[in-house]
Amino acid sequence: MAKRARIIVVGCSMFGTAVARALSGAGHDVIAVDMQEGALDALGDDFDGEIITGDGKSAQVLEEWQDSPAHNENLLRENFNGIGVGVAKVKGEYYYCQLFVQR
């Protein structure tokens, strides 16, 4: 069985929402972050991940993750030995996605 990944999707545009829903639907632990609460609503009631309203590029979101026991555990997990980072620029706005994995 494939290992579950813990993934942070920053920016829930149409692309970010599709990525977050697909990865969550595949059984991964997904955290979706967007500055606009309405964008997070697009994930739908059946989205199984966590959501954070805030600026994923700011220290504030990192502080919020550190204040959350579950998020902080993921940030500090020693068995993650790989990371993937995706960046997309859509209409002048940047969207980021991080994928932490154990290989």
Protein backbone atom coordinates (compact mmCIF):
# COMPACT_ATOMS: atom_id res chain seq x y z
CA MET A 1 0.00 0.00 0.00
CA ALA A 2 1.32 3.48 -0.85
CA LYS A 3 2.20 5.76 2.03
CA ARG A 4 -0.08 8.71 2.75
CA ALA A 5 1.50 12.08 2.11
CA ARG A 6 0.87 15.25 4.11
CA ILE A 7 0.34 18.11 1.66
CA ILE A 8 -0.18 21.85 2.03
CA VAL A 9 -1.96 23.57 -0.87
CA VAL A 10 -1.65 27.36 -0.74
CA GLY A 11 -4.18 29.14 -2.95
CA CYS A 12 -7.58 27.66 -3.72
CA SER A 13 -8.16 28.94 -7.20
CA MET A 14 -9.78 26.48 -9.60
CA PHE A 15 -6.39 24.75 -9.92
CA GLY A 16 -5.61 24.70 -6.18
CA THR A 17 -9.09 23.46 -5.36
CA ALA A 18 -8.81 20.66 -7.93
CA VAL A 19 -5.38 19.64 -6.59
CA ALA A 20 -6.54 19.71 -2.94
CA ARG A 21 -9.69 17.69 -3.68
CA ALA A 22 -7.86 15.13 -5.82
CA LEU A 23 -5.11 14.55 -3.28
CA SER A 24 -7.58 14.36 -0.38
CA GLY A 25 -9.75 11.98 -2.39
CA ALA A 26 -6.70 9.78 -2.95
CA GLY A 27 -6.35 9.44 0.81
CA HIS A 28 -3.64 12.00 1.56
CA ASP A 29 -3.71 14.44 4.48
CA VAL A 30 -4.32 17.85 2.88
CA ILE A 31 -4.28 21.35 4.37
CA ALA A 32 -5.74 24.06 2.11
CA VAL A 33 -4.84 27.72 2.72
CA ASP A 34 -6.32 30.82 1.09
CA MET A 35 -6.74 34.45 2.10
CA GLN A 36 -10.36 34.44 0.98
CA GLU A 37 -12.74 32.25 2.95
CA GLY A 38 -15.03 32.04 -0.08
CA ALA A 39 -12.28 30.35 -2.06
CA LEU A 40 -12.06 27.65 0.61
CA ASP A 41 -15.83 27.14 0.37
CA ALA A 42 -15.24 25.89 -3.19
CA LEU A 43 -13.62 22.78 -1.69
CA GLY A 44 -17.12 21.60 -0.75
CA ASP A 45 -18.61 20.01 2.31
CA ASP A 46 -17.16 16.61 1.42
CA PHE A 47 -13.54 17.88 1.48
CA ASP A 48 -11.81 15.68 4.06
CA GLY A 49 -8.79 17.94 4.69
CA GLU A 50 -8.17 20.92 6.93
CA ILE A 51 -8.61 24.55 5.90
CA ILE A 52 -6.90 27.74 7.05
CA THR A 53 -7.95 31.25 6.09
CA GLY A 54 -4.78 33.34 5.79
CA ASP A 55 -1.81 34.33 3.66
CA GLY A 56 0.21 31.22 2.96
CA LYS A 57 3.23 33.34 2.13
CA SER A 58 3.32 35.06 5.49
CA ALA A 59 4.84 34.15 8.81
CA GLN A 60 1.33 34.38 10.29
CA VAL A 61 0.27 31.11 8.66
CA LEU A 62 3.43 29.37 9.84
CA GLU A 63 2.69 30.61 13.36
CA GLU A 64 -0.89 29.33 13.08
CA TRP A 65 0.39 25.93 11.94
CA GLN A 66 2.83 25.86 14.86
CA ASP A 67 -0.03 26.68 17.26
CA SER A 68 -2.04 23.73 15.93
CA PRO A 69 -0.81 20.43 17.42
CA ALA A 70 -1.64 18.45 14.27
CA HIS A 71 -0.02 20.95 11.89
CA ASN A 72 3.04 21.39 14.08
CA GLU A 73 3.50 17.62 14.24
CA ASN A 74 3.66 17.53 10.44
CA LEU A 75 6.16 20.38 10.30
CA LEU A 76 8.45 18.69 12.81
CA ARG A 77 8.05 15.10 11.64
CA GLU A 78 11.53 13.65 11.27
CA ASN A 79 10.60 10.81 8.92
CA PHE A 80 9.85 13.17 6.02
CA ASN A 81 12.92 13.06 3.81
CA GLY A 82 11.59 14.54 0.61
CA ILE A 83 9.74 17.68 -0.43
CA GLY A 84 8.10 18.84 -3.62
CA VAL A 85 7.17 22.48 -4.16
CA GLY A 86 4.96 23.79 -6.92
CA VAL A 87 4.46 27.45 -7.85
CA ALA A 88 1.96 28.85 -10.32
CA LYS A 89 1.31 32.47 -11.28
CA VAL A 90 -2.29 33.14 -12.30
CA LYS A 91 -3.40 36.65 -13.24
CA GLY A 92 -0.47 38.14 -11.34
CA GLU A 93 -1.10 36.13 -8.15
CA TYR A 94 1.19 33.36 -6.94
CA TYR A 95 -0.05 29.99 -5.70
CA TYR A 96 2.18 27.51 -3.87
CA CYS A 97 1.88 23.81 -3.11
CA GLN A 98 4.17 21.79 -0.82
CA LEU A 99 4.35 18.01 -0.64
CA PHE A 100 6.24 16.33 2.19
CA VAL A 101 7.01 12.64 1.65
CA GLN A 102 8.79 9.72 3.19
CA ARG A 103 10.79 7.78 0.62
